[in-house]
Protein backbone atom coordinates (compact mmCIF):
# COMPACT_ATOMS: atom_id res chain seq x y z
CA MET A 1 13.37 41.37 -36.64
CA SER A 2 11.22 41.60 -33.94
CA GLY A 3 12.79 39.81 -31.43
CA THR A 4 15.99 41.78 -32.24
CA VAL A 5 14.14 45.12 -31.19
CA GLU A 6 12.63 43.55 -28.38
CA THR A 7 15.87 42.69 -27.42
CA LEU A 8 17.56 46.03 -28.02
CA ALA A 9 14.81 48.02 -26.53
CA GLN A 10 15.70 46.04 -23.18
CA LYS A 11 18.99 46.35 -22.67
CA LEU A 12 18.96 50.29 -23.59
CA ALA A 13 15.90 50.62 -21.14
CA ILE A 14 17.97 49.18 -18.37
CA ASP A 15 21.08 51.09 -19.73
CA THR A 16 19.09 53.92 -19.45
CA LEU A 17 17.61 53.78 -16.42
CA LYS A 18 20.72 52.92 -14.84
CA VAL A 19 22.58 56.50 -16.32
CA GLN A 20 18.99 58.35 -15.09
CA ASP A 21 19.17 56.80 -11.97
CA ALA A 22 23.01 57.87 -11.46
CA SER A 23 22.18 61.74 -12.85
CA GLY A 24 18.90 62.44 -11.73
CA GLU A 25 17.99 63.46 -14.95
CA GLU A 26 14.32 61.79 -14.82
CA ARG A 27 13.74 62.18 -18.05
CA LEU A 28 16.43 61.42 -19.91
CA TYR A 29 14.59 58.27 -21.69
CA VAL A 30 12.50 61.14 -23.90
CA GLU A 31 15.43 61.98 -25.42
CA VAL A 32 17.09 59.04 -26.06
CA GLY A 33 13.73 57.96 -27.46
CA GLN A 34 14.29 60.96 -29.51
CA VAL A 35 17.34 59.90 -30.72
CA LEU A 36 16.28 56.70 -31.64
CA GLY A 37 12.92 57.68 -33.31
CA ALA A 38 15.28 59.77 -35.91
CA ALA A 39 17.11 55.85 -36.81
CA SER A 40 14.49 53.55 -35.97
CA GLN A 41 11.02 54.32 -35.18
CA SER A 42 10.64 50.92 -34.50
CA LEU A 43 13.29 50.52 -31.75
CA GLU A 44 11.91 53.86 -30.37
CA GLU A 45 8.19 52.36 -29.99
CA ALA A 46 10.05 49.28 -28.39
CA PHE A 47 11.78 51.25 -25.94
CA LEU A 48 9.64 54.06 -24.53
CA THR A 49 7.52 51.10 -24.19
CA GLU A 50 10.00 49.29 -22.24
CA MET A 51 11.01 52.24 -20.13
CA ARG A 52 6.86 53.25 -19.67
CA VAL A 53 6.55 49.17 -18.25
CA ARG A 54 9.75 49.62 -16.09
CA LEU A 55 8.68 52.74 -14.88
CA ALA A 56 5.49 52.20 -13.68
CA GLU A 57 6.46 49.00 -12.14
CA ARG A 58 8.98 50.87 -9.62
CA LYS A 59 6.12 53.17 -9.28
CA ALA A 60 3.70 50.10 -7.87
CA ARG A 61 6.64 48.69 -6.08
CA ASP A 62 6.60 51.78 -4.29
CA PHE A 63 3.46 52.04 -3.31
CA LEU A 64 3.30 48.70 -1.85
CA ASN A 65 6.53 48.78 -0.26
CA ASN A 66 5.16 52.17 1.58
CA LYS A 67 1.58 50.32 2.59
CA VAL A 68 3.69 47.54 3.95
CA ALA A 69 5.62 49.63 6.08
CA ALA A 70 2.59 52.03 7.33
CA LEU A 71 0.60 48.50 8.27
CA GLN A 72 4.04 47.04 10.22
CA ALA A 73 4.07 50.64 12.09
CA GLN A 74 0.60 50.64 12.49
CA ALA A 75 0.95 47.01 14.32
CA GLU A 76 3.61 48.01 16.44
CA GLU A 77 1.96 51.11 17.55
CA LYS A 78 -0.95 48.24 18.94
CA GLY A 79 1.98 46.18 19.95
CA GLU A 80 0.93 43.54 17.76
CA ILE A 81 4.77 43.08 16.57
């Protein structure tokens, strides 16, 4: 059963992020989690974990991309590139 819950949570997280990105509603996943919680606490917890992990990964990736861009700009200023 846990495999089913995890699979459903992953798919729902992916779909929620797509709608969230398209709509600009940054906290849409919280509303989806509330709907899930009314029906299945297990699925709600798995979904919220998926969302937190995916959102954290996005933040970390943005941080790294900004760091690389800053380093490249710095190198260009020094004429190293």
